[in-house]
Amino acid sequence: MSTIEQLNKAHAKFPDIGTPVLEAAIKGDEDAKGQVYGFYHNGVMAYLYRSYIPPQELEDCGQDVWERVFRRLPHYEIQPNHSFRPFVIMTARSVKVDYYRKYQVQKEYAAEQIRLSSTHPFFWPEEAVEILELYQAIGRQIEHIEPHQAQAFYYKYFMGLSHHDSAEMLGTSEDNARQLASRGLGRIRLGLKRESLD
């Protein structure tokens, strides 16, 4: 039994949005989209809360869920006797996984900052401070890029992994790992440039 089938079975006893409303939402009707949002929103937030998403991150994660739901909605096909709820929950789960990935990268950056904050035998104190400040600036930019780009950037430019090894860590192709690292680097460079102008 697939994950979707398991979720459909598990959620069969719960009320679901009516088919006419869902059909209108799929066609782009904004009122219908609002009804879909209102029907499932509390359940989405409860799912994220039970997934130990920090309270200060809940609102942003919830917004990410609905951005993805509505972006994918035009391609959703209504199936007989199938609930729309699993589609929403699977989307929330993907947001949760992406959050954990980004959080892990941020933790690794924090650990590197702590390591550099101590006196390093190869740096003058002023150089150590400059490097630490650069790490901190990059860490701030990590918050604004996609989790997969953040991971690929970290593996390539901080761990020194090859694109082949990065691909294995990311569970993707070597070409995709190269593109993710490049895009992450570009986004971080742009962010640093903007930060320097502020």
C-alpha atoms as a PDB file:
ATOM      1  CA  MET A   1       0.000   0.000   0.000  1.00  0.00           C
ATOM      2  CA  SER A   2       1.450   3.360  -1.048  1.00  0.00           C
ATOM      3  CA  THR A   3       1.855   6.313   1.319  1.00  0.00           C
ATOM      4  CA  ILE A   4      -1.021   8.154  -0.368  1.00  0.00           C
ATOM      5  CA  GLU A   5      -3.279   5.088  -0.035  1.00  0.00           C
ATOM      6  CA  GLN A   6      -2.347   4.730   3.636  1.00  0.00           C
ATOM      7  CA  LEU A   7      -3.132   8.386   4.245  1.00  0.00           C
ATOM      8  CA  ASN A   8      -6.433   8.117   2.405  1.00  0.00           C
ATOM      9  CA  LYS A   9      -7.415   5.171   4.584  1.00  0.00           C
ATOM     10  CA  ALA A  10      -6.308   6.943   7.770  1.00  0.00           C
ATOM     11  CA  HIS A  11      -8.170  10.147   6.907  1.00  0.00           C
ATOM     12  CA  ALA A  12     -11.340   8.515   5.542  1.00  0.00           C
ATOM     13  CA  LYS A  13     -13.157   9.038   8.860  1.00  0.00           C
ATOM     14  CA  PHE A  14     -12.461  12.781   8.878  1.00  0.00           C
ATOM     15  CA  PRO A  15     -14.660  15.336   7.075  1.00  0.00           C
ATOM     16  CA  ASP A  16     -13.279  16.575   3.766  1.00  0.00           C
ATOM     17  CA  ILE A  17     -13.831  19.618   1.580  1.00  0.00           C
ATOM     18  CA  GLY A  18     -16.680  19.241  -0.906  1.00  0.00           C
ATOM     19  CA  THR A  19     -15.844  18.273  -4.479  1.00  0.00           C
ATOM     20  CA  PRO A  20     -17.530  21.354  -6.055  1.00  0.00           C
ATOM     21  CA  VAL A  21     -15.421  23.691  -3.903  1.00  0.00           C
ATOM     22  CA  LEU A  22     -12.255  21.761  -4.715  1.00  0.00           C
ATOM     23  CA  GLU A  23     -13.042  21.782  -8.444  1.00  0.00           C
ATOM     24  CA  ALA A  24     -13.544  25.550  -8.343  1.00  0.00           C
ATOM     25  CA  ALA A  25     -10.272  26.004  -6.453  1.00  0.00           C
ATOM     26  CA  ILE A  26      -8.427  23.904  -9.028  1.00  0.00           C
ATOM     27  CA  LYS A  27      -9.789  26.236 -11.727  1.00  0.00           C
ATOM     28  CA  GLY A  28      -8.382  29.228  -9.838  1.00  0.00           C
ATOM     29  CA  ASP A  29     -11.441  30.576  -8.036  1.00  0.00           C
ATOM     30  CA  GLU A  30     -10.064  32.719  -5.190  1.00  0.00           C
ATOM     31  CA  ASP A  31     -13.134  32.315  -2.945  1.00  0.00           C
ATOM     32  CA  ALA A  32     -12.902  28.545  -3.291  1.00  0.00           C
ATOM     33  CA  LYS A  33      -9.184  28.671  -2.476  1.00  0.00           C
ATOM     34  CA  GLY A  34     -10.062  30.619   0.654  1.00  0.00           C
ATOM     35  CA  GLN A  35     -12.521  27.914   1.662  1.00  0.00           C
ATOM     36  CA  VAL A  36      -9.894  25.219   1.115  1.00  0.00           C
ATOM     37  CA  TYR A  37      -7.434  27.193   3.224  1.00  0.00           C
ATOM     38  CA  GLY A  38      -9.964  27.706   6.018  1.00  0.00           C
ATOM     39  CA  PHE A  39     -11.014  24.060   6.015  1.00  0.00           C
ATOM     40  CA  TYR A  40      -7.516  22.580   6.399  1.00  0.00           C
ATOM     41  CA  HIS A  41      -5.418  25.343   7.952  1.00  0.00           C
ATOM     42  CA  ASN A  42      -5.865  24.355  11.601  1.00  0.00           C
ATOM     43  CA  GLY A  43      -4.974  20.768  10.758  1.00  0.00           C
ATOM     44  CA  VAL A  44      -1.819  21.884   8.952  1.00  0.00           C
ATOM     45  CA  MET A  45      -0.706  24.007  11.894  1.00  0.00           C
ATOM     46  CA  ALA A  46      -1.447  21.188  14.343  1.00  0.00           C
ATOM     47  CA  TYR A  47       0.631  18.793  12.196  1.00  0.00           C
ATOM     48  CA  LEU A  48       3.585  21.211  12.108  1.00  0.00           C
ATOM     49  CA  TYR A  49       3.301  21.809  15.855  1.00  0.00           C
ATOM     50  CA  ARG A  50       3.332  18.067  16.570  1.00  0.00           C
ATOM     51  CA  SER A  51       6.407  17.824  14.309  1.00  0.00           C
ATOM     52  CA  TYR A  52       8.295  20.017  16.822  1.00  0.00           C
ATOM     53  CA  ILE A  53       8.610  23.011  14.517  1.00  0.00           C
ATOM     54  CA  PRO A  54       9.578  25.891  16.888  1.00  0.00           C
ATOM     55  CA  PRO A  55       6.677  28.266  17.634  1.00  0.00           C
ATOM     56  CA  GLN A  56       8.548  31.214  16.093  1.00  0.00           C
ATOM     57  CA  GLU A  57       8.856  29.271  12.817  1.00  0.00           C
ATOM     58  CA  LEU A  58       5.312  27.897  12.660  1.00  0.00           C
ATOM     59  CA  GLU A  59       3.734  30.801  10.787  1.00  0.00           C
ATOM     60  CA  ASP A  60       6.413  30.857   8.076  1.00  0.00           C
ATOM     61  CA  CYS A  61       6.262  27.073   7.654  1.00  0.00           C
ATOM     62  CA  GLY A  62       2.468  27.214   7.442  1.00  0.00           C
ATOM     63  CA  GLN A  63       2.722  29.882   4.749  1.00  0.00           C
ATOM     64  CA  ASP A  64       5.179  27.709   2.824  1.00  0.00           C
ATOM     65  CA  VAL A  65       2.719  24.811   2.938  1.00  0.00           C
ATOM     66  CA  TRP A  66      -0.091  26.844   1.385  1.00  0.00           C
ATOM     67  CA  GLU A  67       2.158  28.399  -1.239  1.00  0.00           C
ATOM     68  CA  ARG A  68       3.092  24.892  -2.371  1.00  0.00           C
ATOM     69  CA  VAL A  69      -0.473  23.557  -2.164  1.00  0.00           C
ATOM     70  CA  PHE A  70      -1.842  26.333  -4.361  1.00  0.00           C
ATOM     71  CA  ARG A  71       1.101  26.164  -6.776  1.00  0.00           C
ATOM     72  CA  ARG A  72       0.486  22.432  -7.305  1.00  0.00           C
ATOM     73  CA  LEU A  73      -3.310  22.609  -7.134  1.00  0.00           C
ATOM     74  CA  PRO A  74      -3.950  23.160 -10.895  1.00  0.00           C
ATOM     75  CA  HIS A  75      -2.293  19.775 -11.541  1.00  0.00           C
ATOM     76  CA  TYR A  76      -4.286  17.909  -8.875  1.00  0.00           C
ATOM     77  CA  GLU A  77      -6.664  15.264 -10.238  1.00  0.00           C
ATOM     78  CA  ILE A  78      -9.751  14.475  -8.186  1.00  0.00           C
ATOM     79  CA  GLN A  79     -10.156  10.727  -7.692  1.00  0.00           C
ATOM     80  CA  PRO A  80     -13.386   8.957  -6.667  1.00  0.00           C
ATOM     81  CA  ASN A  81     -13.541   8.231  -2.930  1.00  0.00           C
ATOM     82  CA  HIS A  82     -10.189   9.910  -2.363  1.00  0.00           C
ATOM     83  CA  SER A  83      -9.673  12.594   0.258  1.00  0.00           C
ATOM     84  CA  PHE A  84      -7.865  15.855  -0.519  1.00  0.00           C
ATOM     85  CA  ARG A  85      -6.505  15.894   3.047  1.00  0.00           C
ATOM     86  CA  PRO A  86      -3.545  13.547   2.310  1.00  0.00           C
ATOM     87  CA  PHE A  87      -2.416  15.892  -0.484  1.00  0.00           C
ATOM     88  CA  VAL A  88      -2.304  18.753   2.025  1.00  0.00           C
ATOM     89  CA  ILE A  89      -0.568  16.673   4.705  1.00  0.00           C
ATOM     90  CA  MET A  90       2.031  15.317   2.257  1.00  0.00           C
ATOM     91  CA  THR A  91       2.792  18.909   1.257  1.00  0.00           C
ATOM     92  CA  ALA A  92       3.133  19.885   4.921  1.00  0.00           C
ATOM     93  CA  ARG A  93       5.480  16.967   5.432  1.00  0.00           C
ATOM     94  CA  SER A  94       7.732  18.098   2.583  1.00  0.00           C
ATOM     95  CA  VAL A  95       7.890  21.585   4.158  1.00  0.00           C
ATOM     96  CA  LYS A  96       8.790  19.991   7.490  1.00  0.00           C
ATOM     97  CA  VAL A  97      11.610  17.967   5.903  1.00  0.00           C
ATOM     98  CA  ASP A  98      12.986  21.063   4.147  1.00  0.00           C
ATOM     99  CA  TYR A  99      12.904  22.965   7.446  1.00  0.00           C
ATOM    100  CA  TYR A 100      14.890  20.217   9.195  1.00  0.00           C
ATOM    101  CA  ARG A 101      17.456  20.236   6.381  1.00  0.00           C
ATOM    102  CA  LYS A 102      17.937  23.995   6.602  1.00  0.00           C
ATOM    103  CA  TYR A 103      18.100  23.824  10.405  1.00  0.00           C
ATOM    104  CA  GLN A 104      20.824  21.169  10.203  1.00  0.00           C
ATOM    105  CA  VAL A 105      22.935  23.338   7.874  1.00  0.00           C
ATOM    106  CA  GLN A 106      22.491  26.327  10.197  1.00  0.00           C
ATOM    107  CA  LYS A 107      23.628  24.202  13.156  1.00  0.00           C
ATOM    108  CA  GLU A 108      26.745  23.164  11.239  1.00  0.00           C
ATOM    109  CA  TYR A 109      27.496  26.817  10.459  1.00  0.00           C
ATOM    110  CA  ALA A 110      27.032  27.725  14.117  1.00  0.00           C
ATOM    111  CA  ALA A 111      29.482  25.017  15.163  1.00  0.00           C
ATOM    112  CA  GLU A 112      32.037  26.332  12.657  1.00  0.00           C
ATOM    113  CA  GLN A 113      31.607  29.856  13.995  1.00  0.00           C
ATOM    114  CA  ILE A 114      32.253  28.629  17.542  1.00  0.00           C
ATOM    115  CA  ARG A 115      35.385  26.833  16.371  1.00  0.00           C
ATOM    116  CA  LEU A 116      36.714  29.961  14.666  1.00  0.00           C
ATOM    117  CA  SER A 117      35.880  32.180  17.623  1.00  0.00           C
ATOM    118  CA  SER A 118      38.759  30.614  19.567  1.00  0.00           C
ATOM    119  CA  THR A 119      42.334  31.697  18.873  1.00  0.00           C
ATOM    120  CA  HIS A 120      43.568  29.984  15.731  1.00  0.00           C
ATOM    121  CA  PRO A 121      47.340  29.340  15.488  1.00  0.00           C
ATOM    122  CA  PHE A 122      47.471  30.324  11.807  1.00  0.00           C
ATOM    123  CA  PHE A 123      45.652  33.656  12.090  1.00  0.00           C
ATOM    124  CA  TRP A 124      46.422  36.965  13.692  1.00  0.00           C
ATOM    125  CA  PRO A 125      43.526  37.924  16.013  1.00  0.00           C
ATOM    126  CA  GLU A 126      42.315  40.545  13.515  1.00  0.00           C
ATOM    127  CA  GLU A 127      42.227  37.938  10.738  1.00  0.00           C
ATOM    128  CA  ALA A 128      40.287  35.498  12.916  1.00  0.00           C
ATOM    129  CA  VAL A 129      37.708  38.200  13.625  1.00  0.00           C
ATOM    130  CA  GLU A 130      37.336  38.987   9.908  1.00  0.00           C
ATOM    131  CA  ILE A 131      36.864  35.311   9.045  1.00  0.00           C
ATOM    132  CA  LEU A 132      34.354  34.867  11.870  1.00  0.00           C
ATOM    133  CA  GLU A 133      32.397  37.903  10.654  1.00  0.00           C
ATOM    134  CA  LEU A 134      32.349  36.436   7.128  1.00  0.00           C
ATOM    135  CA  TYR A 135      31.030  33.127   8.445  1.00  0.00           C
ATOM    136  CA  GLN A 136      28.336  34.968  10.372  1.00  0.00           C
ATOM    137  CA  ALA A 137      27.353  36.969   7.278  1.00  0.00           C
ATOM    138  CA  ILE A 138      27.111  33.797   5.194  1.00  0.00           C
ATOM    139  CA  GLY A 139      25.084  32.172   7.961  1.00  0.00           C
ATOM    140  CA  ARG A 140      22.562  35.022   7.724  1.00  0.00           C
ATOM    141  CA  GLN A 141      22.241  34.505   3.976  1.00  0.00           C
ATOM    142  CA  ILE A 142      21.645  30.758   4.418  1.00  0.00           C
ATOM    143  CA  GLU A 143      18.255  31.628   5.902  1.00  0.00           C
ATOM    144  CA  HIS A 144      17.131  33.067   2.554  1.00  0.00           C
ATOM    145  CA  ILE A 145      18.054  30.278   0.133  1.00  0.00           C
ATOM    146  CA  GLU A 146      16.437  26.941  -0.614  1.00  0.00           C
ATOM    147  CA  PRO A 147      17.410  24.088   1.773  1.00  0.00           C
ATOM    148  CA  HIS A 148      18.864  21.899  -1.002  1.00  0.00           C
ATOM    149  CA  GLN A 149      20.957  24.832  -2.265  1.00  0.00           C
ATOM    150  CA  ALA A 150      22.169  25.486   1.288  1.00  0.00           C
ATOM    151  CA  GLN A 151      23.224  21.874   1.730  1.00  0.00           C
ATOM    152  CA  ALA A 152      24.964  21.680  -1.654  1.00  0.00           C
ATOM    153  CA  PHE A 153      26.777  24.966  -0.977  1.00  0.00           C
ATOM    154  CA  TYR A 154      27.929  23.745   2.444  1.00  0.00           C
ATOM    155  CA  TYR A 155      29.170  20.375   1.169  1.00  0.00           C
ATOM    156  CA  LYS A 156      31.082  21.941  -1.737  1.00  0.00           C
ATOM    157  CA  TYR A 157      32.551  25.129  -0.287  1.00  0.00           C
ATOM    158  CA  PHE A 158      32.934  24.333   3.415  1.00  0.00           C
ATOM    159  CA  MET A 159      33.392  20.567   3.572  1.00  0.00           C
ATOM    160  CA  GLY A 160      35.325  20.531   0.295  1.00  0.00           C
ATOM    161  CA  LEU A 161      33.385  17.585  -1.139  1.00  0.00           C
ATOM    162  CA  SER A 162      33.399  16.850  -4.844  1.00  0.00           C
ATOM    163  CA  HIS A 163      30.146  17.229  -6.753  1.00  0.00           C
ATOM    164  CA  HIS A 164      30.030  13.446  -6.959  1.00  0.00           C
ATOM    165  CA  ASP A 165      30.221  13.064  -3.178  1.00  0.00           C
ATOM    166  CA  SER A 166      27.802  15.946  -2.650  1.00  0.00           C
ATOM    167  CA  ALA A 167      25.336  14.218  -4.958  1.00  0.00           C
ATOM    168  CA  GLU A 168      25.503  11.068  -2.848  1.00  0.00           C
ATOM    169  CA  MET A 169      24.922  13.075   0.330  1.00  0.00           C
ATOM    170  CA  LEU A 170      21.972  14.883  -1.266  1.00  0.00           C
ATOM    171  CA  GLY A 171      20.515  11.823  -2.954  1.00  0.00           C
ATOM    172  CA  THR A 172      20.570  13.435  -6.392  1.00  0.00           C
ATOM    173  CA  SER A 173      22.575  13.442  -9.622  1.00  0.00           C
ATOM    174  CA  GLU A 174      26.045  14.950  -9.932  1.00  0.00           C
ATOM    175  CA  ASP A 175      24.808  17.558 -12.428  1.00  0.00           C
ATOM    176  CA  ASN A 176      21.997  18.595 -10.087  1.00  0.00           C
ATOM    177  CA  ALA A 177      24.406  18.830  -7.140  1.00  0.00           C
ATOM    178  CA  ARG A 178      26.669  21.086  -9.231  1.00  0.00           C
ATOM    179  CA  GLN A 179      23.732  23.325 -10.184  1.00  0.00           C
ATOM    180  CA  LEU A 180      22.461  23.517  -6.595  1.00  0.00           C
ATOM    181  CA  ALA A 181      25.881  24.509  -5.257  1.00  0.00           C
ATOM    182  CA  SER A 182      26.319  27.106  -7.998  1.00  0.00           C
ATOM    183  CA  ARG A 183      22.880  28.609  -7.409  1.00  0.00           C
ATOM    184  CA  GLY A 184      23.441  28.645  -3.666  1.00  0.00           C
ATOM    185  CA  LEU A 185      26.768  30.427  -4.134  1.00  0.00           C
ATOM    186  CA  GLY A 186      25.161  32.965  -6.474  1.00  0.00           C
ATOM    187  CA  ARG A 187      22.303  33.676  -4.058  1.00  0.00           C
ATOM    188  CA  ILE A 188      24.712  34.088  -1.132  1.00  0.00           C
ATOM    189  CA  ARG A 189      27.015  36.397  -3.114  1.00  0.00           C
ATOM    190  CA  LEU A 190      24.041  38.545  -4.079  1.00  0.00           C
ATOM    191  CA  GLY A 191      22.829  38.631  -0.492  1.00  0.00           C
ATOM    192  CA  LEU A 192      26.268  39.611   0.825  1.00  0.00           C
ATOM    193  CA  LYS A 193      26.499  42.370  -1.768  1.00  0.00           C
ATOM    194  CA  ARG A 194      23.110  43.744  -0.747  1.00  0.00           C
ATOM    195  CA  GLU A 195      24.027  43.521   2.926  1.00  0.00           C
ATOM    196  CA  SER A 196      27.219  45.497   2.329  1.00  0.00           C
ATOM    197  CA  LEU A 197      25.187  48.296   0.715  1.00  0.00           C
ATOM    198  CA  ASP A 198      22.744  48.587   3.617  1.00  0.00           C
END
